[in-house]
């Protein structure tokens, strides 16, 4: 069944996966099967190298639909469990289908792993920023106490009637040398800076750390999305182009509809220029959020696929609808099924209403009173839930 996929060239490429490139080294297949054991830029780059290798073989375009999904999964599991030597000992008729199924599943798993590593990497940046922010808050609290004490002593000197105006500067410098006074002034500037700004700046300090893998990640990952994410996907495409051309300046016509209020004042500088650092950080965090929600999906992934792909295809559903509804004892007419469910719900309401008539009423809240029928109960419970 898979003969069209296994020509002479591909058969040779599949067999090469079982031969170590160097003595006493793992085979390429063993390298592909190894999952990430840490969450670092280097780990993501290695996973991207695996994905690039699988994309070179155009694994995503292989048509394995002739295999039953369970059979395909079974063949892939054989490939996962078998050693390279064990696979070599198999006949070509068995070895090649096993390797095809294995690589097909590995392509999905590598994509899923990449998105998870990316998600955890951004979470790591947030956690690191939060820890530094908490430490900064403690430092600022300590600085504030010191500066209040210094201010108290300075005011005492200023208000001392025994110190003339001509002697005031020298009196202050005797208490607080000029170098220390300048340092105190700089530290006061830190205290005056909004704490929220510090939070974003601490996160931005990890930008170069993320840049170790982000250009390759955005360039390699096959992303798509719904109409709501058009601006975000355009922003990702602009970042790809900037990296490809070696440019740093974000173009003036770059989309900004993906930038929310909390990022806006950081993305745009005082002279209305776009900050590349904050623009890219905002785009990355928005990408993470939309991958989580399913508004953006990864072509070929299993966990981050388009939501429609988890449903029965429309054409197949039209063919199997009658049999499926018969097996589930459901009407084929969806409207009829909804009416049936509504009637059942109304019956349950009536039964519950009778139950309330027989039992003492229960208060919904202190000001709600005691419901004496289902209508009052629904009104009061609805207010409670708002």
Protein backbone atom coordinates (compact mmCIF):
# COMPACT_ATOMS: atom_id res chain seq x y z
CA UNK A 1 0.00 0.00 0.00
CA UNK A 2 2.92 2.37 0.63
CA UNK A 3 4.90 1.38 -2.46
CA UNK A 4 4.40 4.81 -4.19
CA UNK A 5 6.16 6.49 -1.24
CA UNK A 6 9.12 4.09 -1.16
CA UNK A 7 11.12 4.62 -4.34
CA UNK A 8 14.78 3.61 -4.58
CA UNK A 9 16.09 6.99 -3.40
CA UNK A 10 13.75 7.17 -0.39
CA UNK A 11 14.51 3.57 0.54
CA UNK A 12 18.21 4.46 0.67
CA UNK A 13 17.51 7.58 2.75
CA UNK A 14 15.42 5.55 5.20
CA UNK A 15 18.17 2.95 5.58
CA UNK A 16 20.76 5.70 6.21
CA UNK A 17 18.82 6.61 9.36
CA UNK A 18 19.94 3.33 10.90
CA UNK A 19 23.67 3.80 10.29
CA UNK A 20 25.72 5.94 12.74
CA UNK A 21 27.56 8.77 11.02
CA UNK A 22 30.59 8.12 13.25
CA UNK A 23 31.80 5.01 15.10
CA UNK A 24 30.41 4.59 18.62
CA UNK A 25 27.86 7.34 18.00
CA UNK A 26 24.04 7.09 18.00
CA UNK A 27 22.28 6.62 14.68
CA UNK A 28 20.37 9.54 13.10
CA UNK A 29 17.15 7.72 14.00
CA UNK A 30 18.13 7.60 17.69
CA UNK A 31 18.84 11.35 17.54
CA UNK A 32 15.42 12.03 16.00
CA UNK A 33 13.66 9.91 18.62
CA UNK A 34 15.29 11.65 21.60
CA UNK A 35 12.96 14.13 23.32
CA UNK A 36 14.10 17.38 24.92
CA UNK A 37 15.35 17.02 28.48
CA UNK A 38 15.77 20.72 29.27
CA UNK A 39 14.28 24.08 28.39
CA UNK A 40 17.01 26.22 26.87
CA UNK A 41 17.59 28.07 23.58
CA UNK A 42 20.04 25.33 22.58
CA UNK A 43 17.37 22.67 23.13
CA UNK A 44 14.92 24.56 20.94
CA UNK A 45 17.54 25.01 18.22
CA UNK A 46 18.23 21.27 18.27
CA UNK A 47 14.52 20.52 17.93
CA UNK A 48 14.36 23.00 15.05
CA UNK A 49 17.23 21.15 13.37
CA UNK A 50 15.20 17.94 13.65
CA UNK A 51 12.17 19.68 12.17
CA UNK A 52 14.28 21.07 9.33
CA UNK A 53 15.55 17.56 8.56
CA UNK A 54 12.00 16.17 8.48
CA UNK A 55 10.84 19.07 6.31
CA UNK A 56 13.65 18.33 3.84
CA UNK A 57 12.08 14.90 3.38
CA UNK A 58 8.64 16.59 2.98
CA UNK A 59 7.20 14.30 5.67
CA UNK A 60 4.16 16.58 6.05
CA UNK A 61 3.19 15.83 2.43
CA UNK A 62 3.32 12.05 2.77
CA UNK A 63 -0.09 10.48 2.18
CA UNK A 64 -0.46 7.63 4.68
CA UNK A 65 -4.26 7.67 4.54
CA UNK A 66 -4.20 4.18 3.00
CA UNK A 67 -3.18 2.94 6.45
CA UNK A 68 -5.73 2.62 9.20
CA UNK A 69 -4.81 5.22 11.90
CA UNK A 70 -4.48 2.45 14.50
CA UNK A 71 -2.25 0.43 12.18
CA UNK A 72 -0.11 3.51 11.49
CA UNK A 73 0.24 4.12 15.21
CA UNK A 74 1.16 0.48 15.77
CA UNK A 75 3.90 0.64 13.14
CA UNK A 76 5.24 3.87 14.68
CA UNK A 77 5.38 2.24 18.11
CA UNK A 78 7.39 -0.63 16.66
CA UNK A 79 9.82 1.96 15.33
CA UNK A 80 10.03 3.67 18.73
CA UNK A 81 10.70 0.43 20.60
CA UNK A 82 13.12 -1.17 18.14
CA UNK A 83 16.85 -0.56 18.12
CA UNK A 84 18.62 0.41 14.90
CA UNK A 85 20.11 -3.09 14.74
CA UNK A 86 16.69 -4.65 15.20
CA UNK A 87 15.26 -2.59 12.37
CA UNK A 88 18.18 -3.49 10.09
CA UNK A 89 17.41 -7.19 10.65
CA UNK A 90 13.82 -6.70 9.47
CA UNK A 91 12.93 -7.30 5.85
CA UNK A 92 12.60 -4.22 3.65
CA UNK A 93 8.87 -4.88 3.24
CA UNK A 94 8.41 -4.43 7.00
CA UNK A 95 11.25 -2.02 7.85
CA UNK A 96 10.37 0.73 5.40
CA UNK A 97 6.66 1.03 6.36
CA UNK A 98 7.72 1.11 10.03
CA UNK A 99 10.19 3.93 9.35
CA UNK A 100 7.63 5.88 7.29
CA UNK A 101 5.03 5.66 10.07
CA UNK A 102 7.65 6.54 12.68
CA UNK A 103 8.90 9.63 10.83
CA UNK A 104 5.33 10.76 10.19
CA UNK A 105 4.56 10.59 13.91
CA UNK A 106 7.90 12.16 14.81
CA UNK A 107 7.05 15.15 12.63
CA UNK A 108 3.89 15.75 14.68
CA UNK A 109 5.68 15.21 17.98
CA UNK A 110 8.60 17.50 17.14
CA UNK A 111 6.14 20.28 16.23
CA UNK A 112 4.24 19.77 19.48
CA UNK A 113 7.47 19.72 21.47
CA UNK A 114 8.67 22.95 19.84
CA UNK A 115 5.50 24.83 20.76
CA UNK A 116 5.66 23.52 24.33
CA UNK A 117 9.32 24.51 24.66
CA UNK A 118 8.50 27.96 23.28
CA UNK A 119 5.62 28.30 25.75
CA UNK A 120 7.77 27.23 28.69
CA UNK A 121 10.59 29.52 27.58
CA UNK A 122 8.32 32.57 27.72
CA UNK A 123 6.97 31.39 31.06
CA UNK A 124 10.57 31.12 32.23
CA UNK A 125 11.16 34.75 31.18
CA UNK A 126 8.05 35.83 33.13
CA UNK A 127 9.06 33.86 36.23
CA UNK A 128 12.59 35.24 36.11
CA UNK A 129 11.20 38.77 35.74
CA UNK A 130 8.82 38.24 38.66
CA UNK A 131 11.65 37.04 40.91
CA UNK A 132 13.82 40.01 39.98
CA UNK A 133 10.85 42.33 40.40
CA UNK A 134 10.17 41.01 43.91
CA UNK A 135 13.85 41.48 44.76
CA UNK A 136 13.75 44.99 43.28
CA UNK A 137 10.73 45.86 45.40
CA UNK A 138 12.65 44.85 48.51
CA UNK A 139 15.64 46.92 47.42
CA UNK A 140 13.46 49.93 46.71
CA UNK A 141 11.79 49.60 50.10
CA UNK A 142 15.23 49.60 51.75
CA UNK A 143 16.38 52.57 49.66
CA UNK A 144 13.24 54.50 50.51
CA UNK A 145 13.86 54.09 54.24
CA UNK A 146 17.47 55.26 53.87
CA UNK A 147 16.47 58.29 51.79
CA UNK A 148 13.77 59.32 54.26
CA UNK A 149 16.32 59.25 57.04
CA UNK A 150 18.77 61.34 54.94
CA UNK A 151 15.99 63.81 54.10
CA UNK A 152 15.14 64.11 57.79
CA UNK A 153 18.77 64.96 58.69
CA UNK A 154 19.11 67.41 55.77
CA UNK A 155 15.97 69.27 56.80
CA UNK A 156 17.34 69.55 60.34
CA UNK A 157 20.49 71.19 58.91
CA UNK A 158 18.43 73.56 56.72
CA UNK A 159 16.25 74.62 59.65
CA UNK A 160 19.12 75.03 62.12
CA UNK A 161 19.15 78.76 62.99
CA UNK A 162 22.80 78.56 64.03
CA UNK A 163 23.93 77.80 60.46
CA UNK A 164 24.13 80.85 58.20
CA UNK A 165 23.26 80.75 54.50
CA UNK A 166 26.92 81.08 53.59
CA UNK A 167 27.85 78.07 55.71
CA UNK A 168 24.89 75.93 54.61
CA UNK A 169 26.58 74.12 51.68
CA UNK A 170 29.69 73.26 53.72
CA UNK A 171 27.48 72.04 56.58
CA UNK A 172 25.56 69.74 54.23
CA UNK A 173 28.79 68.38 52.72
CA UNK A 174 30.19 67.69 56.20
CA UNK A 175 27.11 65.56 56.88
CA UNK A 176 26.84 64.14 53.37
CA UNK A 177 29.90 64.34 51.07
CA UNK A 178 29.24 65.57 47.52
CA UNK A 179 29.91 62.17 45.92
CA UNK A 180 27.44 60.45 48.24
CA UNK A 181 24.90 63.24 47.70
CA UNK A 182 25.05 62.68 43.92
CA UNK A 183 24.64 58.93 44.44
CA UNK A 184 21.63 59.61 46.65
CA UNK A 185 20.13 61.80 43.93
CA UNK A 186 20.52 59.01 41.34
CA UNK A 187 18.94 56.48 43.69
CA UNK A 188 15.98 58.83 44.22
CA UNK A 189 15.46 58.78 40.44
CA UNK A 190 15.12 54.99 40.67
CA UNK A 191 12.54 55.38 43.44
CA UNK A 192 10.53 57.81 41.30
CA UNK A 193 10.32 55.34 38.40
CA UNK A 194 6.95 53.49 38.25
CA UNK A 195 7.28 49.90 39.42
CA UNK A 196 5.25 48.66 36.46
CA UNK A 197 7.90 50.08 34.13
CA UNK A 198 10.53 48.10 35.99
CA UNK A 199 8.52 44.91 35.47
CA UNK A 200 8.48 45.34 31.68
CA UNK A 201 12.12 46.43 31.57
CA UNK A 202 13.17 43.36 33.52
CA UNK A 203 11.31 41.21 31.01
CA UNK A 204 12.93 43.11 28.14
CA UNK A 205 16.36 42.41 29.64
CA UNK A 206 15.88 38.77 28.54
CA UNK A 207 15.37 39.80 24.92
CA UNK A 208 18.88 38.81 23.80
CA UNK A 209 18.38 35.43 25.51
CA UNK A 210 15.23 34.80 23.46
CA UNK A 211 16.91 36.04 20.28
CA UNK A 212 19.18 32.99 20.37
CA UNK A 213 16.37 30.89 18.93
CA UNK A 214 13.46 33.17 17.97
CA UNK A 215 14.57 34.03 14.38
CA UNK A 216 14.96 30.33 13.48
CA UNK A 217 11.80 29.41 15.37
CA UNK A 218 9.61 31.94 13.54
CA UNK A 219 11.18 31.11 10.18
CA UNK A 220 10.77 27.33 10.54
CA UNK A 221 7.43 26.85 12.28
CA UNK A 222 4.51 26.51 9.80
CA UNK A 223 1.93 28.84 11.34
CA UNK A 224 -1.59 29.65 10.21
CA UNK A 225 -4.62 31.22 11.89
CA UNK A 226 -8.10 32.61 11.66
CA UNK A 227 -9.13 36.08 10.45
CA UNK A 228 -8.83 37.58 13.96
CA UNK A 229 -5.08 36.95 13.94
CA UNK A 230 -4.35 38.53 10.56
CA UNK A 231 -2.50 41.48 12.13
CA UNK A 232 -0.47 39.24 14.43
CA UNK A 233 0.54 36.92 11.58
CA UNK A 234 1.53 39.96 9.52
CA UNK A 235 3.69 41.15 12.43
CA UNK A 236 5.36 37.71 12.54
CA UNK A 237 5.99 37.90 8.79
CA UNK A 238 7.60 41.34 9.19
CA UNK A 239 9.91 39.97 11.90
CA UNK A 240 10.86 37.11 9.57
CA UNK A 241 11.70 39.57 6.81
CA UNK A 242 13.75 41.77 9.14
CA UNK A 243 15.77 38.78 10.29
CA UNK A 244 16.24 37.50 6.74
CA UNK A 245 17.45 40.91 5.51
CA UNK A 246 19.55 41.65 8.59
CA UNK A 247 17.57 44.81 9.34
CA UNK A 248 16.64 46.17 12.77
CA UNK A 249 14.19 49.00 12.15
CA UNK A 250 10.51 48.05 12.23
CA UNK A 251 8.75 49.62 9.20
CA UNK A 252 6.31 52.46 9.82
CA UNK A 253 3.45 50.48 8.28
CA UNK A 254 3.90 47.51 10.62
CA UNK A 255 0.55 46.28 12.02
CA UNK A 256 -0.26 47.53 15.50
CA UNK A 257 -3.71 46.02 16.07
CA UNK A 258 -2.08 43.14 17.97
CA UNK A 259 -0.58 45.54 20.53
CA UNK A 260 -2.79 45.99 23.60
CA UNK A 261 -2.78 48.85 26.10
CA UNK A 262 -0.24 47.38 28.52
CA UNK A 263 2.38 47.05 25.74
CA UNK A 264 1.54 50.21 23.81
CA UNK A 265 3.65 52.75 25.75
CA UNK A 266 6.68 50.46 25.58
CA UNK A 267 6.40 49.59 21.89
CA UNK A 268 6.19 53.28 20.93
CA UNK A 269 8.99 55.57 22.11
CA UNK A 270 8.58 59.25 23.03
CA UNK A 271 9.26 60.28 19.42
CA UNK A 272 6.60 57.84 18.13
CA UNK A 273 9.18 55.39 16.82
CA UNK A 274 8.62 51.65 17.13
CA UNK A 275 10.91 49.86 19.59
CA UNK A 276 12.05 46.65 17.87
CA UNK A 277 12.71 44.98 21.21
CA UNK A 278 9.27 45.58 22.69
CA UNK A 279 7.48 45.06 19.35
CA UNK A 280 9.04 41.62 19.03
CA UNK A 281 8.42 40.72 22.68
CA UNK A 282 4.77 41.77 22.38
CA UNK A 283 4.41 39.69 19.20
CA UNK A 284 5.94 36.62 20.86
CA UNK A 285 3.66 36.79 23.90
CA UNK A 286 0.63 37.35 21.66
CA UNK A 287 1.66 34.34 19.58
CA UNK A 288 1.90 32.26 22.74
CA UNK A 289 -1.59 33.32 23.87
CA UNK A 290 -3.15 32.58 20.47
CA UNK A 291 -1.45 29.19 20.20
CA UNK A 292 -2.99 28.36 23.56
CA UNK A 293 -6.46 29.51 22.51
CA UNK A 294 -6.37 27.83 19.09
CA UNK A 295 -6.72 31.05 17.11
CA UNK A 296 -3.31 30.28 15.61
CA UNK A 297 -2.38 26.72 14.75
CA UNK A 298 0.67 24.81 13.54
CA UNK A 299 0.24 22.95 10.28
CA UNK A 300 1.07 19.27 10.82
CA UNK A 301 0.87 19.43 14.61
CA UNK A 302 -1.42 17.19 16.62
CA UNK A 303 -1.89 19.17 19.86
CA UNK A 304 -1.80 22.61 18.22
CA UNK A 305 -3.71 21.79 15.04
CA UNK A 306 -6.66 23.70 13.63
CA UNK A 307 -9.70 23.04 15.79
CA UNK A 308 -11.72 21.83 12.79
CA UNK A 309 -9.23 19.02 12.26
CA UNK A 310 -10.45 17.33 15.46
CA UNK A 311 -13.95 17.03 13.97
CA UNK A 312 -15.29 14.63 11.36
CA UNK A 313 -14.72 16.22 7.92
CA UNK A 314 -17.92 17.69 6.48
CA UNK A 315 -17.91 15.40 3.45
CA UNK A 316 -17.38 12.27 5.54
CA UNK A 317 -20.05 13.35 8.01
CA UNK A 318 -22.69 13.58 5.31
CA UNK A 319 -21.92 9.99 4.36
CA UNK A 320 -21.77 8.55 7.87
CA UNK A 321 -24.42 10.71 9.53
CA UNK A 322 -27.25 8.20 9.26
CA UNK A 323 -25.25 5.25 10.60
CA UNK A 324 -23.73 7.33 13.42
CA UNK A 325 -27.10 8.71 14.57
CA UNK A 326 -28.61 5.24 14.45
CA UNK A 327 -25.79 3.83 16.62
CA UNK A 328 -26.21 6.69 19.12
CA UNK A 329 -30.01 6.52 18.99
CA UNK A 330 -30.23 10.18 17.98
CA UNK A 331 -32.39 11.90 15.35
CA UNK A 332 -30.61 13.08 12.21
CA UNK A 333 -32.45 16.40 12.44
CA UNK A 334 -30.44 18.61 14.80
CA UNK A 335 -33.37 20.99 15.40
CA UNK A 336 -35.55 18.07 16.45
CA UNK A 337 -32.89 16.91 18.88
CA UNK A 338 -32.66 20.39 20.43
CA UNK A 339 -36.44 20.54 20.85
CA UNK A 340 -36.36 17.13 22.54
CA UNK A 341 -33.64 18.29 24.92
CA UNK A 342 -35.58 21.49 25.67
CA UNK A 343 -38.71 19.49 26.50
CA UNK A 344 -36.68 17.24 28.81
CA UNK A 345 -35.22 20.31 30.53
CA UNK A 346 -38.67 21.83 31.07
CA UNK A 347 -39.83 18.56 32.61
CA UNK A 348 -36.90 18.65 35.01
CA UNK A 349 -37.79 22.25 35.89
CA UNK A 350 -41.32 21.15 36.77
CA UNK A 351 -40.04 18.28 38.90
CA UNK A 352 -37.70 20.63 40.71
CA UNK A 353 -40.56 23.10 41.22
CA UNK A 354 -42.64 20.34 42.85
CA UNK A 355 -39.67 19.46 45.03
CA UNK A 356 -39.39 23.07 46.25
CA UNK A 357 -43.11 23.10 47.11
CA UNK A 358 -42.65 20.03 49.29
CA UNK A 359 -39.46 21.14 51.03
CA UNK A 360 -38.68 24.26 53.09
CA UNK A 361 -37.37 27.06 50.89
CA UNK A 362 -33.68 27.90 50.97
CA UNK A 363 -32.29 31.42 50.82
CA UNK A 364 -30.23 32.41 47.81
CA UNK A 365 -28.53 35.27 49.70
CA UNK A 366 -29.24 37.56 52.61
CA UNK A 367 -31.25 40.05 50.53
CA UNK A 368 -32.77 37.62 48.05
CA UNK A 369 -35.66 36.33 50.13
CA UNK A 370 -36.96 32.78 50.04
CA UNK A 371 -38.02 31.56 46.56
CA UNK A 372 -41.45 29.94 46.65
CA UNK A 373 -41.44 28.63 43.06
CA UNK A 374 -39.10 27.81 40.21
CA UNK A 375 -39.61 31.16 38.46
CA UNK A 376 -38.45 33.12 41.51
CA UNK A 377 -35.61 30.66 41.99
CA UNK A 378 -34.38 31.14 38.38
CA UNK A 379 -34.53 34.95 38.72
CA UNK A 380 -32.64 35.03 42.01
CA UNK A 381 -30.09 32.42 40.95
CA UNK A 382 -29.52 34.31 37.70
CA UNK A 383 -28.79 37.51 39.65
CA UNK A 384 -26.46 35.57 41.91
CA UNK A 385 -24.50 34.24 38.96
CA UNK A 386 -24.04 37.65 37.30
